[in-house]
Protein backbone atom coordinates (compact mmCIF):
# COMPACT_ATOMS: atom_id res chain seq x y z
CA UNK A 1 12.98 43.21 -30.92
CA UNK A 2 12.95 46.62 -29.25
CA UNK A 3 9.60 48.00 -28.14
CA UNK A 4 8.28 51.11 -29.88
CA UNK A 5 9.64 54.39 -28.60
CA UNK A 6 7.35 56.70 -26.68
CA UNK A 7 6.46 60.04 -28.26
CA UNK A 8 8.58 62.14 -25.88
CA UNK A 9 11.50 59.72 -26.12
CA UNK A 10 11.49 59.79 -29.91
CA UNK A 11 11.40 63.60 -29.96
CA UNK A 12 14.26 63.91 -27.45
CA UNK A 13 16.40 61.42 -29.36
CA UNK A 14 15.86 63.35 -32.60
CA UNK A 15 17.14 66.56 -31.01
CA UNK A 16 20.18 64.77 -29.61
CA UNK A 17 20.96 63.16 -32.96
CA UNK A 18 21.02 66.59 -34.64
CA UNK A 19 22.85 68.55 -31.99
CA UNK A 20 25.39 66.32 -30.23
CA UNK A 21 28.71 64.99 -31.44
CA UNK A 22 28.38 61.25 -31.92
CA UNK A 23 31.04 60.18 -29.42
CA UNK A 24 28.54 57.90 -27.65
CA UNK A 25 26.09 55.31 -28.88
CA UNK A 26 23.57 55.26 -26.03
CA UNK A 27 20.56 53.03 -25.67
CA UNK A 28 17.38 54.83 -26.78
CA UNK A 29 16.29 55.67 -23.23
CA UNK A 30 15.85 59.34 -22.24
CA UNK A 31 16.04 59.60 -18.46
CA UNK A 32 14.15 62.42 -16.77
CA UNK A 33 14.26 61.58 -13.06
CA UNK A 34 15.67 59.12 -10.57
CA UNK A 35 15.28 57.95 -6.99
CA UNK A 36 17.35 55.32 -5.22
CA UNK A 37 18.13 52.54 -7.67
CA UNK A 38 15.44 53.45 -10.20
CA UNK A 39 15.05 56.04 -12.94
CA UNK A 40 12.14 57.16 -15.11
CA UNK A 41 12.17 58.28 -18.72
CA UNK A 42 10.43 61.22 -20.37
CA UNK A 43 7.42 59.02 -21.15
CA UNK A 44 7.06 57.93 -17.52
CA UNK A 45 8.43 54.41 -17.83
CA UNK A 46 10.55 53.27 -14.88
CA UNK A 47 13.76 51.24 -14.99
CA UNK A 48 16.11 49.63 -12.53
CA UNK A 49 19.45 51.37 -12.96
CA UNK A 50 22.03 48.63 -13.34
CA UNK A 51 24.91 50.93 -14.25
CA UNK A 52 24.85 53.75 -11.66
CA UNK A 53 26.61 56.04 -14.15
CA UNK A 54 29.67 53.76 -14.16
CA UNK A 55 29.62 53.77 -10.31
CA UNK A 56 29.31 57.56 -10.02
CA UNK A 57 25.86 57.06 -8.41
CA UNK A 58 26.95 54.48 -5.84
CA UNK A 59 24.80 56.13 -3.16
CA UNK A 60 21.61 56.22 -5.21
CA UNK A 61 19.81 58.83 -7.23
CA UNK A 62 18.62 61.76 -5.17
CA UNK A 63 20.41 60.69 -2.00
CA UNK A 64 18.92 63.05 0.61
CA UNK A 65 22.15 63.56 2.57
CA UNK A 66 24.09 64.48 -0.55
CA UNK A 67 21.36 66.76 -1.86
CA UNK A 68 21.20 68.54 1.49
CA UNK A 69 24.96 69.10 1.47
CA UNK A 70 24.83 70.48 -2.07
CA UNK A 71 21.85 72.76 -1.38
CA UNK A 72 23.44 74.19 1.74
CA UNK A 73 26.63 75.03 -0.11
CA UNK A 74 24.77 76.49 -3.12
CA UNK A 75 23.44 79.19 -0.80
CA UNK A 76 26.96 80.09 0.39
CA UNK A 77 29.64 80.05 -2.34
CA UNK A 78 30.30 77.58 -5.18
CA UNK A 79 33.60 78.60 -6.78
CA UNK A 80 36.62 80.58 -5.65
CA UNK A 81 39.47 78.95 -7.68
CA UNK A 82 42.59 77.79 -5.89
CA UNK A 83 43.95 81.35 -5.95
CA UNK A 84 42.28 81.61 -2.54
CA UNK A 85 41.50 79.19 0.27
CA UNK A 86 37.89 78.10 0.74
CA UNK A 87 36.50 76.77 3.99
CA UNK A 88 35.31 73.44 2.55
CA UNK A 89 38.43 72.10 0.85
CA UNK A 90 40.68 71.58 3.87
CA UNK A 91 38.13 69.51 5.82
CA UNK A 92 37.36 67.49 2.67
CA UNK A 93 41.02 66.74 2.06
CA UNK A 94 41.64 65.80 5.68
CA UNK A 95 38.60 63.53 5.71
CA UNK A 96 39.46 61.82 2.43
CA UNK A 97 43.06 61.24 3.52
CA UNK A 98 41.85 59.69 6.76
CA UNK A 99 39.29 57.50 4.98
CA UNK A 100 41.88 56.16 2.54
CA UNK A 101 44.76 55.89 4.99
CA UNK A 102 46.89 58.37 3.07
CA UNK A 103 48.68 61.64 3.86
CA UNK A 104 47.76 64.13 1.16
CA UNK A 105 45.08 64.88 -1.44
CA UNK A 106 45.37 66.51 -4.87
CA UNK A 107 41.83 67.54 -5.88
CA UNK A 108 40.72 67.55 -9.51
CA UNK A 109 37.41 67.14 -11.35
CA UNK A 110 37.23 64.12 -13.66
CA UNK A 111 38.71 60.67 -13.50
CA UNK A 112 40.91 61.26 -16.52
CA UNK A 113 42.28 64.40 -14.86
CA UNK A 114 43.16 62.37 -11.78
CA UNK A 115 45.05 59.84 -13.91
CA UNK A 116 46.85 62.59 -15.83
CA UNK A 117 47.78 64.16 -12.50
CA UNK A 118 49.12 60.85 -11.18
CA UNK A 119 51.22 60.47 -14.33
CA UNK A 120 52.71 63.95 -13.87
CA UNK A 121 53.41 63.38 -10.19
CA UNK A 122 55.00 59.99 -10.89
CA UNK A 123 57.31 61.48 -13.49
CA UNK A 124 58.27 64.39 -11.25
CA UNK A 125 58.99 61.97 -8.41
CA UNK A 126 61.06 59.83 -10.77
CA UNK A 127 63.26 62.76 -11.79
CA UNK A 128 63.46 64.56 -8.44
CA UNK A 129 63.61 61.64 -6.02
CA UNK A 130 64.57 58.46 -7.86
CA UNK A 131 67.04 60.24 -10.13
CA UNK A 132 65.90 58.98 -13.52
CA UNK A 133 67.69 60.94 -16.29
CA UNK A 134 65.63 63.77 -17.79
CA UNK A 135 63.12 62.66 -20.40
CA UNK A 136 63.56 58.92 -19.74
CA UNK A 137 60.81 58.18 -17.21
CA UNK A 138 58.80 55.06 -18.04
CA UNK A 139 55.39 54.09 -16.66
CA UNK A 140 54.26 50.47 -16.98
CA UNK A 141 50.57 49.85 -17.71
CA UNK A 142 48.48 46.73 -18.31
CA UNK A 143 46.82 45.33 -21.39
CA UNK A 144 43.06 45.82 -21.43
CA UNK A 145 43.38 48.99 -19.39
CA UNK A 146 40.94 51.87 -19.30
CA UNK A 147 42.12 55.04 -17.59
CA UNK A 148 40.29 57.71 -19.61
CA UNK A 149 40.27 59.22 -23.07
CA UNK A 150 42.71 62.12 -23.07
CA UNK A 151 45.42 62.04 -25.72
CA UNK A 152 48.09 60.96 -23.24
CA UNK A 153 45.97 58.17 -21.81
CA UNK A 154 44.78 56.77 -25.14
CA UNK A 155 48.41 56.57 -26.18
CA UNK A 156 48.73 53.44 -24.04
CA UNK A 157 45.25 52.02 -24.68
CA UNK A 158 44.96 48.80 -26.68
CA UNK A 159 41.28 49.42 -27.43
CA UNK A 160 41.10 50.45 -31.11
CA UNK A 161 38.02 52.60 -30.52
CA UNK A 162 39.88 54.67 -27.91
CA UNK A 163 43.29 54.60 -29.57
CA UNK A 164 43.17 54.59 -33.36
CA UNK A 165 43.34 57.84 -35.37
CA UNK A 166 44.28 59.98 -32.37
CA UNK A 167 48.07 59.97 -32.78
CA UNK A 168 50.85 60.99 -32.68
CA UNK A 169 51.01 59.22 -29.36
CA UNK A 170 52.70 60.21 -26.12
CA UNK A 171 55.83 58.14 -25.41
CA UNK A 172 56.99 56.86 -22.04
CA UNK A 173 54.66 53.90 -21.50
CA UNK A 174 55.26 50.16 -21.58
CA UNK A 175 52.43 47.59 -21.65
CA UNK A 176 52.45 44.17 -19.97
CA UNK A 177 49.71 41.52 -19.69
CA UNK A 178 47.23 42.21 -16.90
CA UNK A 179 47.43 39.76 -14.01
CA UNK A 180 50.89 38.46 -14.96
CA UNK A 181 53.42 39.36 -12.26
CA UNK A 182 56.27 37.56 -14.03
CA UNK A 183 55.76 39.69 -17.15
CA UNK A 184 55.77 42.82 -15.01
CA UNK A 185 59.05 41.84 -13.36
CA UNK A 186 60.65 41.22 -16.77
CA UNK A 187 59.56 44.67 -17.97
CA UNK A 188 61.07 46.57 -15.03
CA UNK A 189 64.29 48.56 -15.38
CA UNK A 190 65.94 51.63 -13.87
CA UNK A 191 63.79 54.04 -15.92
CA UNK A 192 60.47 52.78 -14.51
CA UNK A 193 58.99 55.38 -12.19
CA UNK A 194 55.54 53.84 -11.72
CA UNK A 195 53.27 50.91 -12.43
CA UNK A 196 49.72 52.12 -13.16
CA UNK A 197 46.97 49.49 -12.80
CA UNK A 198 43.27 49.08 -12.13
CA UNK A 199 42.82 46.70 -9.16
CA UNK A 200 39.80 45.42 -11.12
CA UNK A 201 39.44 46.31 -14.79
CA UNK A 202 35.95 47.75 -15.06
CA UNK A 203 35.70 48.75 -18.70
CA UNK A 204 37.51 45.53 -19.58
CA UNK A 205 34.54 43.56 -18.24
CA UNK A 206 35.06 43.52 -14.45
CA UNK A 207 38.27 41.53 -14.83
CA UNK A 208 39.51 40.40 -11.41
CA UNK A 209 43.19 39.41 -11.24
CA UNK A 210 44.49 36.47 -9.19
CA UNK A 211 44.57 37.24 -5.46
CA UNK A 212 48.37 37.06 -5.50
CA UNK A 213 48.76 39.62 -8.29
CA UNK A 214 48.44 42.99 -6.56
CA UNK A 215 50.64 41.95 -3.60
CA UNK A 216 53.23 40.81 -6.15
CA UNK A 217 52.97 44.16 -7.93
CA UNK A 218 53.60 45.91 -4.62
CA UNK A 219 56.67 43.75 -3.95
CA UNK A 220 58.07 44.28 -7.47
CA UNK A 221 57.62 48.05 -7.24
CA UNK A 222 59.44 48.05 -3.91
CA UNK A 223 62.24 45.91 -5.30
CA UNK A 224 62.84 48.21 -8.27
CA UNK A 225 62.16 51.51 -6.51
CA UNK A 226 59.01 52.38 -8.46
CA UNK A 227 55.64 53.74 -7.41
CA UNK A 228 52.51 51.59 -7.41
CA UNK A 229 49.60 53.71 -8.70
CA UNK A 230 46.13 52.17 -8.33
CA UNK A 231 43.30 53.52 -10.47
CA UNK A 232 40.26 53.15 -8.20
CA UNK A 233 38.01 55.52 -10.13
CA UNK A 234 35.44 52.79 -10.81
CA UNK A 235 36.43 50.16 -8.25
CA UNK A 236 36.76 52.44 -5.24
CA UNK A 237 34.40 53.97 -2.69
CA UNK A 238 32.29 50.99 -1.73
CA UNK A 239 31.62 49.21 -5.01
CA UNK A 240 33.50 46.01 -4.14
CA UNK A 241 32.45 45.87 -0.50
CA UNK A 242 35.50 47.82 0.63
CA UNK A 243 36.33 51.50 0.62
CA UNK A 244 39.16 50.62 -1.78
CA UNK A 245 39.38 47.51 -3.93
CA UNK A 246 43.06 47.09 -3.03
CA UNK A 247 41.92 46.38 0.52
CA UNK A 248 40.46 43.08 -0.70
CA UNK A 249 44.02 41.76 -0.85
CA UNK A 250 45.65 44.00 1.77
CA UNK A 251 47.73 46.16 -0.56
CA UNK A 252 48.76 49.79 0.00
CA UNK A 253 49.65 51.72 -3.18
CA UNK A 254 51.77 54.86 -3.25
CA UNK A 255 49.14 56.82 -5.18
CA UNK A 256 45.43 56.15 -5.68
CA UNK A 257 43.20 57.88 -8.20
CA UNK A 258 39.57 58.40 -7.19
CA UNK A 259 36.58 59.88 -8.97
CA UNK A 260 33.03 59.10 -10.04
CA UNK A 261 31.34 58.23 -6.71
CA UNK A 262 33.45 60.88 -4.94
CA UNK A 263 31.05 63.50 -6.31
CA UNK A 264 27.98 61.61 -5.14
CA UNK A 265 26.45 61.69 -8.61
CA UNK A 266 25.92 65.45 -8.22
CA UNK A 267 29.14 67.18 -9.29
CA UNK A 268 32.35 65.92 -10.90
CA UNK A 269 34.96 65.35 -8.19
CA UNK A 270 38.22 63.43 -8.47
CA UNK A 271 41.43 63.24 -6.53
CA UNK A 272 44.85 61.70 -6.29
CA UNK A 273 45.59 60.55 -2.76
CA UNK A 274 48.90 59.25 -1.51
CA UNK A 275 51.95 59.63 0.62
CA UNK A 276 53.49 62.98 1.50
CA UNK A 277 56.82 61.79 0.08
CA UNK A 278 55.28 61.41 -3.38
CA UNK A 279 52.58 64.11 -3.64
CA UNK A 280 54.94 66.47 -1.89
CA UNK A 281 57.10 66.72 -5.01
CA UNK A 282 54.62 69.16 -6.58
CA UNK A 283 55.54 72.84 -6.39
CA UNK A 284 53.21 75.83 -6.66
CA UNK A 285 52.31 76.58 -10.26
CA UNK A 286 53.25 73.15 -11.65
CA UNK A 287 49.72 71.73 -11.66
CA UNK A 288 46.26 73.07 -11.07
CA UNK A 289 42.59 73.34 -11.96
CA UNK A 290 40.21 76.29 -11.73
CA UNK A 291 37.37 74.05 -10.60
CA UNK A 292 39.40 71.39 -8.77
CA UNK A 293 38.61 71.55 -5.06
CA UNK A 294 35.80 74.08 -5.48
CA UNK A 295 33.60 74.65 -2.41
CA UNK A 296 30.54 72.91 -3.85
CA UNK A 297 32.53 69.85 -4.85
CA UNK A 298 34.31 69.76 -1.51
CA UNK A 299 31.06 70.04 0.45
CA UNK A 300 29.52 67.14 -1.46
CA UNK A 301 32.76 65.17 -1.25
CA UNK A 302 32.89 65.66 2.51
CA UNK A 303 29.44 64.14 2.86
CA UNK A 304 30.50 61.21 0.66
CA UNK A 305 33.49 60.69 2.95
CA UNK A 306 31.27 60.86 6.03
CA UNK A 307 28.84 58.30 4.60
CA UNK A 308 31.62 55.91 3.65
CA UNK A 309 33.16 56.38 7.07
CA UNK A 310 30.05 54.78 8.55
CA UNK A 311 30.64 51.61 6.51
CA UNK A 312 26.99 51.06 5.56
CA UNK A 313 27.53 51.08 1.81
CA UNK A 314 30.54 48.80 1.96
CA UNK A 315 28.55 46.30 4.04
CA UNK A 316 25.65 46.47 1.60
CA UNK A 317 27.94 45.58 -1.30
CA UNK A 318 29.43 42.68 0.67
CA UNK A 319 26.02 41.44 1.77
CA UNK A 320 24.63 41.60 -1.78
CA UNK A 321 27.55 39.76 -3.38
CA UNK A 322 26.50 36.17 -2.51
CA UNK A 323 22.99 36.75 -3.87
CA UNK A 324 24.27 38.29 -7.10
CA UNK A 325 26.85 35.56 -7.54
CA UNK A 326 24.33 32.79 -6.88
CA UNK A 327 21.77 34.15 -9.32
CA UNK A 328 24.42 34.38 -12.03
CA UNK A 329 25.67 30.88 -11.22
CA UNK A 330 22.18 29.64 -12.03
CA UNK A 331 22.41 31.16 -15.52
CA UNK A 332 25.76 29.59 -16.42
CA UNK A 333 25.04 27.20 -19.27
CA UNK A 334 21.69 28.94 -19.83
CA UNK A 335 23.16 31.67 -22.02
CA UNK A 336 25.79 32.92 -19.57
CA UNK A 337 29.26 31.58 -20.41
CA UNK A 338 31.06 33.01 -17.36
CA UNK A 339 30.82 35.81 -14.84
CA UNK A 340 33.01 37.73 -12.41
CA UNK A 341 31.63 39.33 -9.25
CA UNK A 342 33.18 41.69 -6.69
CA UNK A 343 30.71 43.20 -4.26
CA UNK A 344 27.81 44.61 -6.27
CA UNK A 345 29.76 44.63 -9.51
CA UNK A 346 29.55 41.92 -12.15
CA UNK A 347 30.98 41.29 -15.58
CA UNK A 348 28.78 38.80 -17.42
CA UNK A 349 29.93 37.00 -20.56
CA UNK A 350 27.01 36.06 -22.78
CA UNK A 351 27.11 33.28 -25.36
CA UNK A 352 27.99 35.22 -28.55
CA UNK A 353 25.53 33.07 -30.49
CA UNK A 354 22.73 34.81 -28.59
CA UNK A 355 23.77 38.34 -29.45
CA UNK A 356 26.18 41.16 -28.76
CA UNK A 357 26.43 42.88 -25.42
CA UNK A 358 24.58 45.88 -26.81
CA UNK A 359 21.75 43.73 -28.14
CA UNK A 360 21.38 42.05 -24.75
CA UNK A 361 21.45 45.47 -23.08
CA UNK A 362 18.68 46.70 -25.38
CA UNK A 363 16.55 43.64 -24.61
CA UNK A 364 17.03 44.28 -20.91
CA UNK A 365 16.04 47.93 -21.33
CA UNK A 366 12.85 46.73 -23.00
CA UNK A 367 12.21 44.77 -19.80
CA UNK A 368 12.94 47.72 -17.54
CA UNK A 369 16.57 47.06 -16.60
CA UNK A 370 19.44 49.32 -17.69
CA UNK A 371 22.94 47.88 -18.07
CA UNK A 372 25.92 48.60 -20.31
CA UNK A 373 27.91 46.37 -22.60
CA UNK A 374 31.69 46.42 -22.67
CA UNK A 375 33.32 44.43 -25.46
CA UNK A 376 31.76 41.77 -27.64
CA UNK A 377 29.07 39.92 -25.69
CA UNK A 378 30.03 41.06 -22.20
CA UNK A 379 27.72 43.22 -20.09
CA UNK A 380 28.27 44.92 -16.74
CA UNK A 381 25.92 45.08 -13.79
CA UNK A 382 26.74 47.79 -11.25
CA UNK A 383 23.58 49.12 -9.57
CA UNK A 384 23.56 51.86 -6.95
CA UNK A 385 24.56 50.36 -3.62
CA UNK A 386 21.11 51.12 -2.23
CA UNK A 387 19.66 48.40 -4.48
CA UNK A 388 17.49 45.87 -2.64
CA UNK A 389 17.72 42.10 -2.86
CA UNK A 390 14.38 42.04 -4.66
CA UNK A 391 15.69 44.51 -7.22
CA UNK A 392 18.77 42.34 -7.78
CA UNK A 393 16.50 39.33 -8.31
CA UNK A 394 14.39 41.38 -10.73
CA UNK A 395 17.42 42.40 -12.78
CA UNK A 396 19.00 38.95 -13.04
CA UNK A 397 15.58 37.40 -13.60
CA UNK A 398 15.10 39.78 -16.53
CA UNK A 399 18.47 38.69 -17.88
CA UNK A 400 17.34 35.06 -17.66
CA UNK A 401 14.17 35.94 -19.56
CA UNK A 402 16.18 37.69 -22.27
CA UNK A 403 18.54 34.77 -22.72
CA UNK A 404 15.67 32.27 -22.78
CA UNK A 405 13.84 34.30 -25.42
CA UNK A 406 16.97 34.58 -27.59
CA UNK A 407 17.72 30.87 -27.34
CA UNK A 408 14.18 29.76 -28.14
């Protein structure tokens, strides 16, 4: 049973209910401030943040280095558009390319924009380089995918909540089972310009494919002359213990989409990074964004790149993984059916008899831990990478308490 709402929380929720479109169903927590891995609501109650804004706050709330970079740029210039060159974008692009081992950067704002951009680039490359006949380019995607919610992207979603009632749908996509290299090979033909995959499916419940899968995808793409596009918007930038999740299995995609943590939890920043041979197909005027690559975003992004270049956050995720995995192992059979862990990222399947993922998430919020459900009785745990071992123990201990109470 949920605890009673505080006076300020109840008032804020009433305003939101009246004034906002109901495209989200959030937990009844109204956050007013945050520091590190914790947040506080409008009634002064504190919580451990176990979601980190879907990994957008990997470096913690109120990170002093990121705030300093943003404040310094706010006093200079924040937006010029790409009609002119600003002094922050070039260094940001060079730094991000170096960090990711790529040649070029296409800056955008949101994750969905990065995916849309990668789709456009892949099609242009297919027509201009591979020689696919006009209008026939095919992109292969995986079942259980989540790449955003634009009309093009939901056209190849198999999640009814994202897909249904938003047609007519954009053609040109073919879906294969995630993690099945044989099925991918069977789906390939001369019209395929790209294979678009999440190295780890975050929204799907932190689904980790077999270790052989991504290398096989790389080989199949090479064999059929197609691009491998990795969506690292949630999995990238330290979350799994590596700068990129593909590095866990030593794979190098042709294009990588980045977002969320790239803006440090301060401004929306996304990008497509990749080889010069692929991103170089774009011509002036074919793609753009008024805000993409703006000076404020680039200044914050440069500091993110600098921090990741030091490796501290990647090491923290790697160091925290055994603790998180071990604590969840102890709950298997005690209400946890199964779990999947990569760095400081976990998908936790709860016994459906004990409740839905949202019900478990609400119970955890009542105990001061914020997480998010995915589908059915699966919840995700993805705290800021500054989380301490004691805070991890607190969060998983709270989960144990919730499951014990529900099974009593």
